[in-house]
Amino acid sequence: MHPITWLAESDPPTALPPSDRALRDPNGLLAAGGALSPAWLVHAYRHGVFPWYGPGQPILWWTPDPRAVLVPDEFRISRSLARSIRNRGYRTTIDTAFGAVLAGCAAPRRDSPGTWLTAAMREAYLALHALGLAHSIETWHGERLVGGIYGVALGRLFFGESMFARGRDASKVALARLVGECRRHGVGLIDCQVPSPHLASLGSRCLPRGEFEAQLRELVAAEPPAWRQ
């Protein structure tokens, strides 16, 4: 087993090593260091790599194998979620409260008192949002933001990053809206990064890294849709 690559902040994004250098344990850890500038993030996402680290840690870059993905046409809406969409008085919007969705995703949770969405990470995604490359779906109940999801969109691929809920099924309602937008715009894949039983219940499946990267290369090269309303 080889050590991970350590990167300097002054290194160009192309210094990220190829994915076959990623560790098996922890699964997908590829490199440490570098920067969170838009150029770094766009290069990383175009190669299936994303940042994920906690307070006090260096920037860590990951490309897990297998990769959890959601094909929009395979999204499962349970009966309880369908009832929430119909009956709970929720409405959804796109890109009207990106910063608030980031804050909601960064807030401590019962099962995780800390946060991986550090201030530097939030600033990085706000910069991508300003460039039209990061987007949010918001779920509202009246004038109160009760849930949301955000991620990065390149070509016809949406890289889901995080979601939160302050109301029953509110994050799933946002995901359902995202899936609908992906279908409407011909987005072929939603990257979910790491598999989980929760994601599997919504229709996600796992792809070997090589297969994911092959689809990624084709999808990110496609003409991007107009996400904003």
C-alpha atoms as a PDB file:
ATOM      1  CA  MET A   1       0.000   0.000   0.000  1.00  0.00           C
ATOM      2  CA  HIS A   2       1.364   3.406  -0.958  1.00  0.00           C
ATOM      3  CA  PRO A   3       0.968   6.623   1.069  1.00  0.00           C
ATOM      4  CA  ILE A   4      -1.447   9.320  -0.040  1.00  0.00           C
ATOM      5  CA  THR A   5      -0.170  12.322  -1.952  1.00  0.00           C
ATOM      6  CA  TRP A   6       0.370  15.534   0.019  1.00  0.00           C
ATOM      7  CA  LEU A   7      -0.337  18.695  -1.960  1.00  0.00           C
ATOM      8  CA  ALA A   8       0.740  22.287  -1.401  1.00  0.00           C
ATOM      9  CA  GLU A   9      -1.762  25.138  -1.562  1.00  0.00           C
ATOM     10  CA  SER A  10       0.334  26.596  -4.380  1.00  0.00           C
ATOM     11  CA  ASP A  11       0.125  23.407  -6.462  1.00  0.00           C
ATOM     12  CA  PRO A  12      -2.069  23.492  -9.581  1.00  0.00           C
ATOM     13  CA  PRO A  13      -5.254  21.377  -9.537  1.00  0.00           C
ATOM     14  CA  THR A  14      -3.627  18.990 -12.011  1.00  0.00           C
ATOM     15  CA  ALA A  15      -1.383  17.866  -9.136  1.00  0.00           C
ATOM     16  CA  LEU A  16      -4.259  15.687  -7.900  1.00  0.00           C
ATOM     17  CA  PRO A  17      -3.140  12.104  -8.537  1.00  0.00           C
ATOM     18  CA  PRO A  18      -5.166   9.654 -10.654  1.00  0.00           C
ATOM     19  CA  SER A  19      -7.922   7.742  -8.905  1.00  0.00           C
ATOM     20  CA  ASP A  20      -6.035   4.445  -8.999  1.00  0.00           C
ATOM     21  CA  ARG A  21      -3.788   5.930  -6.308  1.00  0.00           C
ATOM     22  CA  ALA A  22      -6.680   6.070  -3.823  1.00  0.00           C
ATOM     23  CA  LEU A  23      -6.480   3.970  -0.677  1.00  0.00           C
ATOM     24  CA  ARG A  24      -8.742   1.022   0.000  1.00  0.00           C
ATOM     25  CA  ASP A  25      -8.770   1.800   3.726  1.00  0.00           C
ATOM     26  CA  PRO A  26     -10.094   4.344   4.319  1.00  0.00           C
ATOM     27  CA  ASN A  27     -12.002   3.717   1.123  1.00  0.00           C
ATOM     28  CA  GLY A  28     -11.203   6.274  -1.542  1.00  0.00           C
ATOM     29  CA  LEU A  29      -8.828   8.608   0.284  1.00  0.00           C
ATOM     30  CA  LEU A  30      -6.704  10.029  -2.523  1.00  0.00           C
ATOM     31  CA  ALA A  31      -4.770  13.073  -1.337  1.00  0.00           C
ATOM     32  CA  ALA A  32      -4.429  15.746   1.333  1.00  0.00           C
ATOM     33  CA  GLY A  33      -3.794  19.463   1.054  1.00  0.00           C
ATOM     34  CA  GLY A  34      -4.238  21.642  -1.994  1.00  0.00           C
ATOM     35  CA  ALA A  35      -6.856  24.380  -2.084  1.00  0.00           C
ATOM     36  CA  LEU A  36     -10.616  24.940  -2.269  1.00  0.00           C
ATOM     37  CA  SER A  37     -10.604  27.507  -5.062  1.00  0.00           C
ATOM     38  CA  PRO A  38     -13.164  27.150  -7.860  1.00  0.00           C
ATOM     39  CA  ALA A  39     -10.414  25.924 -10.194  1.00  0.00           C
ATOM     40  CA  TRP A  40      -9.452  23.164  -7.754  1.00  0.00           C
ATOM     41  CA  LEU A  41     -13.037  22.113  -7.099  1.00  0.00           C
ATOM     42  CA  VAL A  42     -14.079  22.056 -10.753  1.00  0.00           C
ATOM     43  CA  HIS A  43     -11.015  20.020 -11.707  1.00  0.00           C
ATOM     44  CA  ALA A  44     -11.632  17.591  -8.846  1.00  0.00           C
ATOM     45  CA  TYR A  45     -15.330  17.070  -9.592  1.00  0.00           C
ATOM     46  CA  ARG A  46     -14.607  16.609 -13.291  1.00  0.00           C
ATOM     47  CA  HIS A  47     -12.447  13.665 -12.259  1.00  0.00           C
ATOM     48  CA  GLY A  48     -14.876  12.217  -9.720  1.00  0.00           C
ATOM     49  CA  VAL A  49     -13.007  13.549  -6.684  1.00  0.00           C
ATOM     50  CA  PHE A  50     -14.577  15.549  -3.855  1.00  0.00           C
ATOM     51  CA  PRO A  51     -13.318  17.213  -0.641  1.00  0.00           C
ATOM     52  CA  TRP A  52     -14.450  15.933   2.751  1.00  0.00           C
ATOM     53  CA  TYR A  53     -12.708  16.672   6.020  1.00  0.00           C
ATOM     54  CA  GLY A  54     -13.402  17.876   9.532  1.00  0.00           C
ATOM     55  CA  PRO A  55     -12.301  20.843  11.645  1.00  0.00           C
ATOM     56  CA  GLY A  56      -8.591  20.746  12.394  1.00  0.00           C
ATOM     57  CA  GLN A  57      -7.835  18.399   9.484  1.00  0.00           C
ATOM     58  CA  PRO A  58      -6.141  19.246   6.193  1.00  0.00           C
ATOM     59  CA  ILE A  59      -8.282  19.231   3.063  1.00  0.00           C
ATOM     60  CA  LEU A  60      -8.865  15.570   2.213  1.00  0.00           C
ATOM     61  CA  TRP A  61      -9.796  14.442  -1.304  1.00  0.00           C
ATOM     62  CA  TRP A  62     -11.853  11.287  -1.885  1.00  0.00           C
ATOM     63  CA  THR A  63     -12.923   8.999  -4.716  1.00  0.00           C
ATOM     64  CA  PRO A  64     -14.605   5.946  -3.141  1.00  0.00           C
ATOM     65  CA  ASP A  65     -15.031   2.599  -4.857  1.00  0.00           C
ATOM     66  CA  PRO A  66     -17.811   1.637  -5.354  1.00  0.00           C
ATOM     67  CA  ARG A  67     -19.628   4.914  -5.955  1.00  0.00           C
ATOM     68  CA  ALA A  68     -23.239   5.490  -4.928  1.00  0.00           C
ATOM     69  CA  VAL A  69     -25.314   7.068  -7.688  1.00  0.00           C
ATOM     70  CA  LEU A  70     -28.962   7.762  -8.368  1.00  0.00           C
ATOM     71  CA  VAL A  71     -30.276   7.479 -11.910  1.00  0.00           C
ATOM     72  CA  PRO A  72     -33.180   9.966 -11.991  1.00  0.00           C
ATOM     73  CA  ASP A  73     -35.582   7.477 -13.589  1.00  0.00           C
ATOM     74  CA  GLU A  74     -34.846   4.986 -10.785  1.00  0.00           C
ATOM     75  CA  PHE A  75     -35.833   7.319  -7.931  1.00  0.00           C
ATOM     76  CA  ARG A  76     -38.378   5.678  -5.627  1.00  0.00           C
ATOM     77  CA  ILE A  77     -41.154   7.738  -4.083  1.00  0.00           C
ATOM     78  CA  SER A  78     -42.646   5.828  -1.165  1.00  0.00           C
ATOM     79  CA  ARG A  79     -46.305   6.193  -0.284  1.00  0.00           C
ATOM     80  CA  SER A  80     -45.409   8.209   2.812  1.00  0.00           C
ATOM     81  CA  LEU A  81     -43.234  10.587   0.766  1.00  0.00           C
ATOM     82  CA  ALA A  82     -45.982  10.950  -1.836  1.00  0.00           C
ATOM     83  CA  ARG A  83     -48.386  11.901   0.973  1.00  0.00           C
ATOM     84  CA  SER A  84     -45.898  14.456   2.299  1.00  0.00           C
ATOM     85  CA  ILE A  85     -45.552  15.999  -1.159  1.00  0.00           C
ATOM     86  CA  ARG A  86     -49.346  16.195  -1.520  1.00  0.00           C
ATOM     87  CA  ASN A  87     -50.545  17.022   1.960  1.00  0.00           C
ATOM     88  CA  ARG A  88     -47.948  18.802   4.085  1.00  0.00           C
ATOM     89  CA  GLY A  89     -48.160  22.181   2.406  1.00  0.00           C
ATOM     90  CA  TYR A  90     -44.560  22.175   1.226  1.00  0.00           C
ATOM     91  CA  ARG A  91     -43.331  24.175  -1.739  1.00  0.00           C
ATOM     92  CA  THR A  92     -39.922  23.976  -3.372  1.00  0.00           C
ATOM     93  CA  THR A  93     -37.680  26.521  -5.055  1.00  0.00           C
ATOM     94  CA  ILE A  94     -34.321  26.492  -6.822  1.00  0.00           C
ATOM     95  CA  ASP A  95     -31.375  28.703  -5.863  1.00  0.00           C
ATOM     96  CA  THR A  96     -33.379  31.170  -3.781  1.00  0.00           C
ATOM     97  CA  ALA A  97     -31.598  30.496  -0.458  1.00  0.00           C
ATOM     98  CA  PHE A  98     -28.315  28.756  -1.232  1.00  0.00           C
ATOM     99  CA  GLY A  99     -26.503  30.168   1.796  1.00  0.00           C
ATOM    100  CA  ALA A 100     -29.330  29.176   4.126  1.00  0.00           C
ATOM    101  CA  VAL A 101     -29.296  25.621   2.761  1.00  0.00           C
ATOM    102  CA  LEU A 102     -25.542  25.470   3.378  1.00  0.00           C
ATOM    103  CA  ALA A 103     -26.116  26.659   6.937  1.00  0.00           C
ATOM    104  CA  GLY A 104     -28.834  24.051   7.442  1.00  0.00           C
ATOM    105  CA  CYS A 105     -26.554  21.285   6.195  1.00  0.00           C
ATOM    106  CA  ALA A 106     -23.730  22.533   8.431  1.00  0.00           C
ATOM    107  CA  ALA A 107     -25.831  22.657  11.606  1.00  0.00           C
ATOM    108  CA  PRO A 108     -25.104  19.960  14.233  1.00  0.00           C
ATOM    109  CA  ARG A 109     -27.408  16.934  14.170  1.00  0.00           C
ATOM    110  CA  ARG A 110     -28.515  14.534  16.860  1.00  0.00           C
ATOM    111  CA  ASP A 111     -26.339  11.732  15.489  1.00  0.00           C
ATOM    112  CA  SER A 112     -23.414  14.041  14.636  1.00  0.00           C
ATOM    113  CA  PRO A 113     -22.770  17.011  16.928  1.00  0.00           C
ATOM    114  CA  GLY A 114     -19.909  18.318  14.758  1.00  0.00           C
ATOM    115  CA  THR A 115     -19.870  19.353  11.111  1.00  0.00           C
ATOM    116  CA  TRP A 116     -17.718  18.604   8.082  1.00  0.00           C
ATOM    117  CA  LEU A 117     -18.986  21.785   6.401  1.00  0.00           C
ATOM    118  CA  THR A 118     -16.314  24.080   7.771  1.00  0.00           C
ATOM    119  CA  ALA A 119     -16.351  27.824   7.153  1.00  0.00           C
ATOM    120  CA  ALA A 120     -13.766  27.345   4.396  1.00  0.00           C
ATOM    121  CA  MET A 121     -15.949  24.711   2.720  1.00  0.00           C
ATOM    122  CA  ARG A 122     -19.014  26.947   2.869  1.00  0.00           C
ATOM    123  CA  GLU A 123     -17.069  29.821   1.321  1.00  0.00           C
ATOM    124  CA  ALA A 124     -15.851  27.494  -1.436  1.00  0.00           C
ATOM    125  CA  TYR A 125     -19.354  26.355  -2.383  1.00  0.00           C
ATOM    126  CA  LEU A 126     -20.682  29.909  -2.198  1.00  0.00           C
ATOM    127  CA  ALA A 127     -18.004  30.842  -4.742  1.00  0.00           C
ATOM    128  CA  LEU A 128     -19.118  27.990  -7.016  1.00  0.00           C
ATOM    129  CA  HIS A 129     -22.723  29.107  -6.595  1.00  0.00           C
ATOM    130  CA  ALA A 130     -21.778  32.633  -7.677  1.00  0.00           C
ATOM    131  CA  LEU A 131     -20.296  31.092 -10.836  1.00  0.00           C
ATOM    132  CA  GLY A 132     -23.513  29.166 -11.529  1.00  0.00           C
ATOM    133  CA  LEU A 133     -21.899  25.793 -10.789  1.00  0.00           C
ATOM    134  CA  ALA A 134     -23.436  24.972  -7.396  1.00  0.00           C
ATOM    135  CA  HIS A 135     -27.178  24.878  -6.807  1.00  0.00           C
ATOM    136  CA  SER A 136     -29.697  24.334  -4.062  1.00  0.00           C
ATOM    137  CA  ILE A 137     -33.243  23.070  -3.854  1.00  0.00           C
ATOM    138  CA  GLU A 138     -35.189  24.568  -0.955  1.00  0.00           C
ATOM    139  CA  THR A 139     -38.258  23.151   0.793  1.00  0.00           C
ATOM    140  CA  TRP A 140     -40.503  25.717   2.466  1.00  0.00           C
ATOM    141  CA  HIS A 141     -43.483  25.532   4.784  1.00  0.00           C
ATOM    142  CA  GLY A 142     -45.028  28.942   4.523  1.00  0.00           C
ATOM    143  CA  GLU A 143     -42.091  31.331   4.794  1.00  0.00           C
ATOM    144  CA  ARG A 144     -39.975  28.935   6.870  1.00  0.00           C
ATOM    145  CA  LEU A 145     -37.122  26.999   5.289  1.00  0.00           C
ATOM    146  CA  VAL A 146     -37.625  23.430   6.506  1.00  0.00           C
ATOM    147  CA  GLY A 147     -35.291  21.444   4.271  1.00  0.00           C
ATOM    148  CA  GLY A 148     -32.995  21.478   1.307  1.00  0.00           C
ATOM    149  CA  ILE A 149     -30.252  19.889  -0.721  1.00  0.00           C
ATOM    150  CA  TYR A 150     -27.254  21.355  -2.531  1.00  0.00           C
ATOM    151  CA  GLY A 151     -24.588  20.150  -4.899  1.00  0.00           C
ATOM    152  CA  VAL A 152     -22.402  20.882  -7.893  1.00  0.00           C
ATOM    153  CA  ALA A 153     -23.643  20.659 -11.483  1.00  0.00           C
ATOM    154  CA  LEU A 154     -21.227  20.057 -14.349  1.00  0.00           C
ATOM    155  CA  GLY A 155     -22.589  19.229 -17.767  1.00  0.00           C
ATOM    156  CA  ARG A 156     -25.407  16.707 -17.319  1.00  0.00           C
ATOM    157  CA  LEU A 157     -24.229  15.342 -13.964  1.00  0.00           C
ATOM    158  CA  PHE A 158     -25.293  16.603 -10.540  1.00  0.00           C
ATOM    159  CA  PHE A 159     -22.921  15.923  -7.651  1.00  0.00           C
ATOM    160  CA  GLY A 160     -25.087  15.821  -4.539  1.00  0.00           C
ATOM    161  CA  GLU A 161     -23.264  17.100  -1.472  1.00  0.00           C
ATOM    162  CA  SER A 162     -25.597  17.285   1.512  1.00  0.00           C
ATOM    163  CA  MET A 163     -29.187  17.798   2.589  1.00  0.00           C
ATOM    164  CA  PHE A 164     -31.047  18.667   5.775  1.00  0.00           C
ATOM    165  CA  ALA A 165     -34.565  18.575   7.159  1.00  0.00           C
ATOM    166  CA  ARG A 166     -36.404  20.473   9.881  1.00  0.00           C
ATOM    167  CA  GLY A 167     -39.760  18.974   8.942  1.00  0.00           C
ATOM    168  CA  ARG A 168     -40.996  15.489   8.136  1.00  0.00           C
ATOM    169  CA  ASP A 169     -39.641  14.334   4.753  1.00  0.00           C
ATOM    170  CA  ALA A 170     -38.543  17.900   3.928  1.00  0.00           C
ATOM    171  CA  SER A 171     -35.146  16.853   2.567  1.00  0.00           C
ATOM    172  CA  LYS A 172     -36.725  14.041   0.539  1.00  0.00           C
ATOM    173  CA  VAL A 173     -39.206  16.517  -0.926  1.00  0.00           C
ATOM    174  CA  ALA A 174     -36.241  18.633  -2.051  1.00  0.00           C
ATOM    175  CA  LEU A 175     -34.607  15.535  -3.522  1.00  0.00           C
ATOM    176  CA  ALA A 176     -37.812  14.686  -5.387  1.00  0.00           C
ATOM    177  CA  ARG A 177     -37.783  18.181  -6.911  1.00  0.00           C
ATOM    178  CA  LEU A 178     -34.113  17.761  -7.838  1.00  0.00           C
ATOM    179  CA  VAL A 179     -34.883  14.440  -9.528  1.00  0.00           C
ATOM    180  CA  GLY A 180     -37.728  16.080 -11.447  1.00  0.00           C
ATOM    181  CA  GLU A 181     -35.421  18.855 -12.639  1.00  0.00           C
ATOM    182  CA  CYS A 182     -32.785  16.304 -13.645  1.00  0.00           C
ATOM    183  CA  ARG A 183     -35.344  14.398 -15.706  1.00  0.00           C
ATOM    184  CA  ARG A 184     -36.569  17.601 -17.318  1.00  0.00           C
ATOM    185  CA  HIS A 185     -33.044  18.715 -18.226  1.00  0.00           C
ATOM    186  CA  GLY A 186     -31.679  15.340 -19.310  1.00  0.00           C
ATOM    187  CA  VAL A 187     -29.257  15.023 -16.397  1.00  0.00           C
ATOM    188  CA  GLY A 188     -28.189  11.397 -16.508  1.00  0.00           C
ATOM    189  CA  LEU A 189     -26.794  10.835 -13.034  1.00  0.00           C
ATOM    190  CA  ILE A 190     -26.889  12.192  -9.493  1.00  0.00           C
ATOM    191  CA  ASP A 191     -23.694  11.374  -7.626  1.00  0.00           C
ATOM    192  CA  CYS A 192     -24.431  10.311  -4.035  1.00  0.00           C
ATOM    193  CA  GLN A 193     -20.773   9.587  -3.198  1.00  0.00           C
ATOM    194  CA  VAL A 194     -20.969   6.923  -0.458  1.00  0.00           C
ATOM    195  CA  PRO A 195     -23.611   4.161  -0.326  1.00  0.00           C
ATOM    196  CA  SER A 196     -26.023   3.923   2.596  1.00  0.00           C
ATOM    197  CA  PRO A 197     -29.249   2.025   3.363  1.00  0.00           C
ATOM    198  CA  HIS A 198     -31.144   5.336   3.309  1.00  0.00           C
ATOM    199  CA  LEU A 199     -29.942   6.157  -0.210  1.00  0.00           C
ATOM    200  CA  ALA A 200     -30.633   2.602  -1.362  1.00  0.00           C
ATOM    201  CA  SER A 201     -34.230   2.925  -0.145  1.00  0.00           C
ATOM    202  CA  LEU A 202     -34.597   5.906  -2.490  1.00  0.00           C
ATOM    203  CA  GLY A 203     -33.327   3.959  -5.490  1.00  0.00           C
ATOM    204  CA  SER A 204     -29.579   4.553  -5.483  1.00  0.00           C
ATOM    205  CA  ARG A 205     -27.175   1.877  -6.635  1.00  0.00           C
ATOM    206  CA  CYS A 206     -23.439   1.343  -6.619  1.00  0.00           C
ATOM    207  CA  LEU A 207     -21.116   1.577  -9.599  1.00  0.00           C
ATOM    208  CA  PRO A 208     -17.511   0.393  -9.703  1.00  0.00           C
ATOM    209  CA  ARG A 209     -15.223   3.401  -9.828  1.00  0.00           C
ATOM    210  CA  GLY A 210     -14.155   2.714 -13.412  1.00  0.00           C
ATOM    211  CA  GLU A 211     -17.743   2.531 -14.638  1.00  0.00           C
ATOM    212  CA  PHE A 212     -18.647   5.698 -12.746  1.00  0.00           C
ATOM    213  CA  GLU A 213     -15.685   7.550 -14.249  1.00  0.00           C
ATOM    214  CA  ALA A 214     -16.613   6.418 -17.770  1.00  0.00           C
ATOM    215  CA  GLN A 215     -20.138   7.801 -17.369  1.00  0.00           C
ATOM    216  CA  LEU A 216     -18.772  10.925 -15.688  1.00  0.00           C
ATOM    217  CA  ARG A 217     -16.480  11.759 -18.615  1.00  0.00           C
ATOM    218  CA  GLU A 218     -19.389  11.622 -21.042  1.00  0.00           C
ATOM    219  CA  LEU A 219     -21.875  13.510 -18.866  1.00  0.00           C
ATOM    220  CA  VAL A 220     -19.656  16.397 -17.725  1.00  0.00           C
ATOM    221  CA  ALA A 221     -18.685  17.060 -21.346  1.00  0.00           C
ATOM    222  CA  ALA A 222     -22.336  17.641 -22.308  1.00  0.00           C
ATOM    223  CA  GLU A 223     -23.921  21.074 -22.632  1.00  0.00           C
ATOM    224  CA  PRO A 224     -25.172  22.122 -19.170  1.00  0.00           C
ATOM    225  CA  PRO A 225     -28.846  22.958 -18.636  1.00  0.00           C
ATOM    226  CA  ALA A 226     -30.143  26.257 -17.278  1.00  0.00           C
ATOM    227  CA  TRP A 227     -30.688  25.423 -13.609  1.00  0.00           C
ATOM    228  CA  ARG A 228     -31.825  28.718 -12.200  1.00  0.00           C
ATOM    229  CA  GLN A 229     -35.450  29.771 -12.310  1.00  0.00           C
END
